[in-house]
Amino acid sequence: DTLAIDFYDTAVSRKVVYSDDTLGGYF
């Protein structure tokens, strides 16, 4: 729930990735 993980969906939640900083973290 905290990391908004869905193993079956291709979406990446804006709850987790919403800035250049978090985008860098995701990559």
PDB file of all heavy atoms in Angstrom:
ATOM      1  N   ASP A   1       0.821  -1.207   0.000  1.00  0.00           N
ATOM      2  CA  ASP A   1       0.000   0.000   0.000  1.00  0.00           C
ATOM      3  C   ASP A   1       0.860   1.264   0.000  1.00  0.00           C
ATOM      4  O   ASP A   1       0.594   2.203  -0.755  1.00  0.00           O
ATOM      5  CB  ASP A   1      -0.924   0.010   1.224  1.00  0.00           C
ATOM      6  CG  ASP A   1      -1.989  -1.079   1.170  1.00  0.00           C
ATOM      7  OD1 ASP A   1      -2.212  -1.627   0.069  1.00  0.00           O
ATOM      8  OD2 ASP A   1      -2.556  -1.405   2.225  1.00  0.00           O
ATOM      9  N   THR A   2       1.875   1.305   0.841  1.00  0.00           N
ATOM     10  CA  THR A   2       2.739   2.494   0.945  1.00  0.00           C
ATOM     11  C   THR A   2       3.467   2.775  -0.356  1.00  0.00           C
ATOM     12  O   THR A   2       3.595   3.933  -0.772  1.00  0.00           O
ATOM     13  CB  THR A   2       3.762   2.312   2.080  1.00  0.00           C
ATOM     14  OG1 THR A   2       3.059   2.116   3.319  1.00  0.00           O
ATOM     15  CG2 THR A   2       4.664   3.535   2.207  1.00  0.00           C
ATOM     16  N   LEU A   3       3.936   1.726  -1.020  1.00  0.00           N
ATOM     17  CA  LEU A   3       4.712   1.873  -2.248  1.00  0.00           C
ATOM     18  C   LEU A   3       3.840   1.772  -3.500  1.00  0.00           C
ATOM     19  O   LEU A   3       4.363   1.842  -4.616  1.00  0.00           O
ATOM     20  CB  LEU A   3       5.826   0.826  -2.294  1.00  0.00           C
ATOM     21  CG  LEU A   3       6.801   0.824  -1.108  1.00  0.00           C
ATOM     22  CD1 LEU A   3       7.877  -0.251  -1.308  1.00  0.00           C
ATOM     23  CD2 LEU A   3       7.446   2.199  -0.928  1.00  0.00           C
ATOM     24  N   ALA A   4       2.533   1.600  -3.295  1.00  0.00           N
ATOM     25  CA  ALA A   4       1.574   1.534  -4.404  1.00  0.00           C
ATOM     26  C   ALA A   4       1.999   0.512  -5.461  1.00  0.00           C
ATOM     27  O   ALA A   4       1.993   0.791  -6.657  1.00  0.00           O
ATOM     28  CB  ALA A   4       1.391   2.918  -5.031  1.00  0.00           C
ATOM     29  N   ILE A   5       2.361  -0.675  -4.998  1.00  0.00           N
ATOM     30  CA  ILE A   5       2.849  -1.715  -5.904  1.00  0.00           C
ATOM     31  C   ILE A   5       1.680  -2.550  -6.421  1.00  0.00           C
ATOM     32  O   ILE A   5       0.841  -3.013  -5.648  1.00  0.00           O
ATOM     33  CB  ILE A   5       3.855  -2.632  -5.186  1.00  0.00           C
ATOM     34  CG1 ILE A   5       5.101  -1.840  -4.785  1.00  0.00           C
ATOM     35  CG2 ILE A   5       4.246  -3.819  -6.059  1.00  0.00           C
ATOM     36  CD1 ILE A   5       5.987  -2.565  -3.806  1.00  0.00           C
ATOM     37  N   ASP A   6       1.633  -2.728  -7.731  1.00  0.00           N
ATOM     38  CA  ASP A   6       0.690  -3.636  -8.360  1.00  0.00           C
ATOM     39  C   ASP A   6       1.504  -4.510  -9.310  1.00  0.00           C
ATOM     40  O   ASP A   6       2.052  -4.019 -10.289  1.00  0.00           O
ATOM     41  CB  ASP A   6      -0.393  -2.868  -9.124  1.00  0.00           C
ATOM     42  CG  ASP A   6      -1.520  -3.771  -9.594  1.00  0.00           C
ATOM     43  OD1 ASP A   6      -1.238  -4.936  -9.943  1.00  0.00           O
ATOM     44  OD2 ASP A   6      -2.672  -3.318  -9.639  1.00  0.00           O
ATOM     45  N   PHE A   7       1.579  -5.783  -8.996  1.00  0.00           N
ATOM     46  CA  PHE A   7       2.419  -6.679  -9.793  1.00  0.00           C
ATOM     47  C   PHE A   7       1.831  -6.951 -11.178  1.00  0.00           C
ATOM     48  O   PHE A   7       2.526  -7.482 -12.048  1.00  0.00           O
ATOM     49  CB  PHE A   7       2.615  -8.016  -9.056  1.00  0.00           C
ATOM     50  CG  PHE A   7       3.475  -7.895  -7.830  1.00  0.00           C
ATOM     51  CD1 PHE A   7       2.906  -7.845  -6.567  1.00  0.00           C
ATOM     52  CD2 PHE A   7       4.865  -7.837  -7.937  1.00  0.00           C
ATOM     53  CE1 PHE A   7       3.705  -7.744  -5.434  1.00  0.00           C
ATOM     54  CE2 PHE A   7       5.667  -7.733  -6.806  1.00  0.00           C
ATOM     55  CZ  PHE A   7       5.084  -7.691  -5.553  1.00  0.00           C
ATOM     56  N   TYR A   8       0.571  -6.605 -11.388  1.00  0.00           N
ATOM     57  CA  TYR A   8      -0.100  -6.952 -12.644  1.00  0.00           C
ATOM     58  C   TYR A   8      -0.443  -5.741 -13.500  1.00  0.00           C
ATOM     59  O   TYR A   8      -0.798  -5.885 -14.667  1.00  0.00           O
ATOM     60  CB  TYR A   8      -1.378  -7.744 -12.343  1.00  0.00           C
ATOM     61  CG  TYR A   8      -1.112  -8.931 -11.454  1.00  0.00           C
ATOM     62  CD1 TYR A   8      -1.453  -8.911 -10.104  1.00  0.00           C
ATOM     63  CD2 TYR A   8      -0.490 -10.074 -11.962  1.00  0.00           C
ATOM     64  CE1 TYR A   8      -1.183 -10.007  -9.277  1.00  0.00           C
ATOM     65  CE2 TYR A   8      -0.221 -11.168 -11.143  1.00  0.00           C
ATOM     66  CZ  TYR A   8      -0.577 -11.119  -9.808  1.00  0.00           C
ATOM     67  OH  TYR A   8      -0.303 -12.195  -9.010  1.00  0.00           O
ATOM     68  N   ASP A   9      -0.332  -4.539 -12.956  1.00  0.00           N
ATOM     69  CA  ASP A   9      -0.686  -3.328 -13.678  1.00  0.00           C
ATOM     70  C   ASP A   9       0.585  -2.644 -14.185  1.00  0.00           C
ATOM     71  O   ASP A   9       1.624  -2.689 -13.530  1.00  0.00           O
ATOM     72  CB  ASP A   9      -1.463  -2.382 -12.746  1.00  0.00           C
ATOM     73  CG  ASP A   9      -2.124  -1.239 -13.500  1.00  0.00           C
ATOM     74  OD1 ASP A   9      -1.960  -1.155 -14.732  1.00  0.00           O
ATOM     75  OD2 ASP A   9      -2.790  -0.413 -12.845  1.00  0.00           O
ATOM     76  N   THR A  10       0.489  -1.990 -15.335  1.00  0.00           N
ATOM     77  CA  THR A  10       1.655  -1.293 -15.893  1.00  0.00           C
ATOM     78  C   THR A  10       1.781   0.136 -15.363  1.00  0.00           C
ATOM     79  O   THR A  10       2.776   0.808 -15.638  1.00  0.00           O
ATOM     80  CB  THR A  10       1.569  -1.236 -17.425  1.00  0.00           C
ATOM     81  OG1 THR A  10       0.397  -0.507 -17.811  1.00  0.00           O
ATOM     82  CG2 THR A  10       1.513  -2.644 -18.014  1.00  0.00           C
ATOM     83  N   ALA A  11       0.796   0.599 -14.621  1.00  0.00           N
ATOM     84  CA  ALA A  11       0.820   1.978 -14.127  1.00  0.00           C
ATOM     85  C   ALA A  11       1.885   2.155 -13.049  1.00  0.00           C
ATOM     86  O   ALA A  11       2.235   1.227 -12.322  1.00  0.00           O
ATOM     87  CB  ALA A  11      -0.545   2.362 -13.571  1.00  0.00           C
ATOM     88  N   VAL A  12       2.408   3.377 -12.978  1.00  0.00           N
ATOM     89  CA  VAL A  12       3.304   3.778 -11.896  1.00  0.00           C
ATOM     90  C   VAL A  12       2.605   4.904 -11.146  1.00  0.00           C
ATOM     91  O   VAL A  12       2.305   5.953 -11.713  1.00  0.00           O
ATOM     92  CB  VAL A  12       4.671   4.255 -12.434  1.00  0.00           C
ATOM     93  CG1 VAL A  12       5.551   4.735 -11.297  1.00  0.00           C
ATOM     94  CG2 VAL A  12       5.353   3.133 -13.213  1.00  0.00           C
ATOM     95  N   SER A  13       2.329   4.681  -9.868  1.00  0.00           N
ATOM     96  CA  SER A  13       1.498   5.600  -9.105  1.00  0.00           C
ATOM     97  C   SER A  13       2.167   6.954  -8.883  1.00  0.00           C
ATOM     98  O   SER A  13       3.349   7.027  -8.543  1.00  0.00           O
ATOM     99  CB  SER A  13       1.152   4.976  -7.747  1.00  0.00           C
ATOM    100  OG  SER A  13       0.449   5.899  -6.944  1.00  0.00           O
ATOM    101  N   ARG A  14       1.390   8.015  -9.048  1.00  0.00           N
ATOM    102  CA  ARG A  14       1.887   9.359  -8.739  1.00  0.00           C
ATOM    103  C   ARG A  14       2.009   9.570  -7.233  1.00  0.00           C
ATOM    104  O   ARG A  14       2.575  10.564  -6.789  1.00  0.00           O
ATOM    105  CB  ARG A  14       0.961  10.412  -9.348  1.00  0.00           C
ATOM    106  CG  ARG A  14       0.975  10.373 -10.867  1.00  0.00           C
ATOM    107  CD  ARG A  14       0.372  11.601 -11.464  1.00  0.00           C
ATOM    108  NE  ARG A  14       0.455  11.563 -12.919  1.00  0.00           N
ATOM    109  CZ  ARG A  14       0.189  12.582 -13.704  1.00  0.00           C
ATOM    110  NH1 ARG A  14      -0.204  13.733 -13.178  1.00  0.00           N
ATOM    111  NH2 ARG A  14       0.279  12.464 -15.009  1.00  0.00           N
ATOM    112  N   LYS A  15       1.491   8.650  -6.478  1.00  0.00           N
ATOM    113  CA  LYS A  15       1.702   8.674  -5.029  1.00  0.00           C
ATOM    114  C   LYS A  15       3.174   8.430  -4.704  1.00  0.00           C
ATOM    115  O   LYS A  15       3.685   8.907  -3.691  1.00  0.00           O
ATOM    116  CB  LYS A  15       0.832   7.578  -4.388  1.00  0.00           C
ATOM    117  CG  LYS A  15       1.006   7.386  -2.899  1.00  0.00           C
ATOM    118  CD  LYS A  15       0.125   6.244  -2.420  1.00  0.00           C
ATOM    119  CE  LYS A  15       0.359   5.934  -0.946  1.00  0.00           C
ATOM    120  NZ  LYS A  15      -0.448   4.767  -0.487  1.00  0.00           N
ATOM    121  N   VAL A  16       3.869   7.709  -5.589  1.00  0.00           N
ATOM    122  CA  VAL A  16       5.269   7.339  -5.371  1.00  0.00           C
ATOM    123  C   VAL A  16       6.207   8.154  -6.250  1.00  0.00           C
ATOM    124  O   VAL A  16       7.273   8.582  -5.811  1.00  0.00           O
ATOM    125  CB  VAL A  16       5.464   5.825  -5.632  1.00  0.00           C
ATOM    126  CG1 VAL A  16       6.929   5.438  -5.539  1.00  0.00           C
ATOM    127  CG2 VAL A  16       4.649   5.016  -4.636  1.00  0.00           C
ATOM    128  N   VAL A  17       5.843   8.374  -7.499  1.00  0.00           N
ATOM    129  CA  VAL A  17       6.685   9.118  -8.447  1.00  0.00           C
ATOM    130  C   VAL A  17       5.958  10.395  -8.850  1.00  0.00           C
ATOM    131  O   VAL A  17       4.981  10.355  -9.599  1.00  0.00           O
ATOM    132  CB  VAL A  17       7.008   8.273  -9.693  1.00  0.00           C
ATOM    133  CG1 VAL A  17       7.867   9.074 -10.672  1.00  0.00           C
ATOM    134  CG2 VAL A  17       7.724   6.992  -9.295  1.00  0.00           C
ATOM    135  N   TYR A  18       6.447  11.535  -8.335  1.00  0.00           N
ATOM    136  CA  TYR A  18       5.741  12.798  -8.562  1.00  0.00           C
ATOM    137  C   TYR A  18       6.692  13.985  -8.730  1.00  0.00           C
ATOM    138  O   TYR A  18       6.252  15.137  -8.777  1.00  0.00           O
ATOM    139  CB  TYR A  18       4.786  13.071  -7.396  1.00  0.00           C
ATOM    140  CG  TYR A  18       5.437  13.008  -6.036  1.00  0.00           C
ATOM    141  CD1 TYR A  18       6.123  14.100  -5.504  1.00  0.00           C
ATOM    142  CD2 TYR A  18       5.384  11.838  -5.287  1.00  0.00           C
ATOM    143  CE1 TYR A  18       6.732  14.029  -4.266  1.00  0.00           C
ATOM    144  CE2 TYR A  18       5.993  11.758  -4.042  1.00  0.00           C
ATOM    145  CZ  TYR A  18       6.660  12.857  -3.536  1.00  0.00           C
ATOM    146  OH  TYR A  18       7.275  12.779  -2.315  1.00  0.00           O
ATOM    147  N   SER A  19       7.997  13.725  -8.848  1.00  0.00           N
ATOM    148  CA  SER A  19       8.988  14.807  -8.974  1.00  0.00           C
ATOM    149  C   SER A  19      10.229  14.236  -9.651  1.00  0.00           C
ATOM    150  O   SER A  19      10.357  13.022  -9.818  1.00  0.00           O
ATOM    151  CB  SER A  19       9.360  15.337  -7.587  1.00  0.00           C
ATOM    152  OG  SER A  19       9.996  14.305  -6.823  1.00  0.00           O
ATOM    153  N   ASP A  20      11.155  15.118 -10.039  1.00  0.00           N
ATOM    154  CA  ASP A  20      12.405  14.631 -10.612  1.00  0.00           C
ATOM    155  C   ASP A  20      13.168  13.757  -9.617  1.00  0.00           C
ATOM    156  O   ASP A  20      13.813  12.772  -9.997  1.00  0.00           O
ATOM    157  CB  ASP A  20      13.291  15.813 -11.041  1.00  0.00           C
ATOM    158  CG  ASP A  20      12.919  16.365 -12.408  1.00  0.00           C
ATOM    159  OD1 ASP A  20      12.011  15.797 -13.064  1.00  0.00           O
ATOM    160  OD2 ASP A  20      13.532  17.363 -12.819  1.00  0.00           O
ATOM    161  N   ASP A  21      13.100  14.103  -8.329  1.00  0.00           N
ATOM    162  CA  ASP A  21      13.800  13.345  -7.301  1.00  0.00           C
ATOM    163  C   ASP A  21      13.256  11.924  -7.199  1.00  0.00           C
ATOM    164  O   ASP A  21      14.024  10.947  -7.203  1.00  0.00           O
ATOM    165  CB  ASP A  21      13.684  14.062  -5.956  1.00  0.00           C
ATOM    166  CG  ASP A  21      14.523  13.393  -4.864  1.00  0.00           C
ATOM    167  OD1 ASP A  21      15.684  13.046  -5.135  1.00  0.00           O
ATOM    168  OD2 ASP A  21      14.002  13.235  -3.743  1.00  0.00           O
ATOM    169  N   THR A  22      11.932  11.789  -7.124  1.00  0.00           N
ATOM    170  CA  THR A  22      11.339  10.451  -7.015  1.00  0.00           C
ATOM    171  C   THR A  22      11.427   9.692  -8.341  1.00  0.00           C
ATOM    172  O   THR A  22      11.527   8.464  -8.351  1.00  0.00           O
ATOM    173  CB  THR A  22       9.877  10.530  -6.544  1.00  0.00           C
ATOM    174  OG1 THR A  22       9.147  11.434  -7.387  1.00  0.00           O
ATOM    175  CG2 THR A  22       9.792  11.016  -5.102  1.00  0.00           C
ATOM    176  N   LEU A  23      11.420  10.427  -9.452  1.00  0.00           N
ATOM    177  CA  LEU A  23      11.630   9.785 -10.754  1.00  0.00           C
ATOM    178  C   LEU A  23      13.026   9.163 -10.810  1.00  0.00           C
ATOM    179  O   LEU A  23      13.197   8.023 -11.260  1.00  0.00           O
ATOM    180  CB  LEU A  23      11.457  10.809 -11.873  1.00  0.00           C
ATOM    181  CG  LEU A  23      11.539  10.292 -13.313  1.00  0.00           C
ATOM    182  CD1 LEU A  23      10.370   9.367 -13.631  1.00  0.00           C
ATOM    183  CD2 LEU A  23      11.548  11.463 -14.296  1.00  0.00           C
ATOM    184  N   GLY A  24      14.030   9.913 -10.321  1.00  0.00           N
ATOM    185  CA  GLY A  24      15.375   9.364 -10.245  1.00  0.00           C
ATOM    186  C   GLY A  24      15.439   8.147  -9.354  1.00  0.00           C
ATOM    187  O   GLY A  24      16.116   7.163  -9.659  1.00  0.00           O
ATOM    188  N   GLY A  25      14.705   8.199  -8.238  1.00  0.00           N
ATOM    189  CA  GLY A  25      14.656   7.050  -7.346  1.00  0.00           C
ATOM    190  C   GLY A  25      14.051   5.832  -8.007  1.00  0.00           C
ATOM    191  O   GLY A  25      14.549   4.708  -7.850  1.00  0.00           O
ATOM    192  N   TYR A  26      12.988   6.042  -8.766  1.00  0.00           N
ATOM    193  CA  TYR A  26      12.324   4.909  -9.419  1.00  0.00           C
ATOM    194  C   TYR A  26      13.244   4.255 -10.448  1.00  0.00           C
ATOM    195  O   TYR A  26      13.358   3.027 -10.509  1.00  0.00           O
ATOM    196  CB  TYR A  26      11.024   5.356 -10.078  1.00  0.00           C
ATOM    197  CG  TYR A  26      10.112   4.202 -10.428  1.00  0.00           C
ATOM    198  CD1 TYR A  26       9.252   3.660  -9.476  1.00  0.00           C
ATOM    199  CD2 TYR A  26      10.126   3.632 -11.691  1.00  0.00           C
ATOM    200  CE1 TYR A  26       8.431   2.586  -9.782  1.00  0.00           C
ATOM    201  CE2 TYR A  26       9.312   2.558 -12.012  1.00  0.00           C
ATOM    202  CZ  TYR A  26       8.464   2.040 -11.056  1.00  0.00           C
ATOM    203  OH  TYR A  26       7.651   0.963 -11.362  1.00  0.00           O
ATOM    204  N   PHE A  27      13.937   5.075 -11.230  1.00  0.00           N
ATOM    205  CA  PHE A  27      14.847   4.504 -12.219  1.00  0.00           C
ATOM    206  C   PHE A  27      16.095   3.900 -11.579  1.00  0.00           C
ATOM    207  O   PHE A  27      16.707   2.995 -12.149  1.00  0.00           O
ATOM    208  CB  PHE A  27      15.197   5.539 -13.289  1.00  0.00           C
ATOM    209  CG  PHE A  27      14.170   5.590 -14.384  1.00  0.00           C
ATOM    210  CD1 PHE A  27      13.151   6.521 -14.343  1.00  0.00           C
ATOM    211  CD2 PHE A  27      14.197   4.679 -15.425  1.00  0.00           C
ATOM    212  CE1 PHE A  27      12.180   6.555 -15.333  1.00  0.00           C
ATOM    213  CE2 PHE A  27      13.232   4.700 -16.422  1.00  0.00           C
ATOM    214  CZ  PHE A  27      12.224   5.638 -16.382  1.00  0.00           C
TER     215      PHE A  27
END
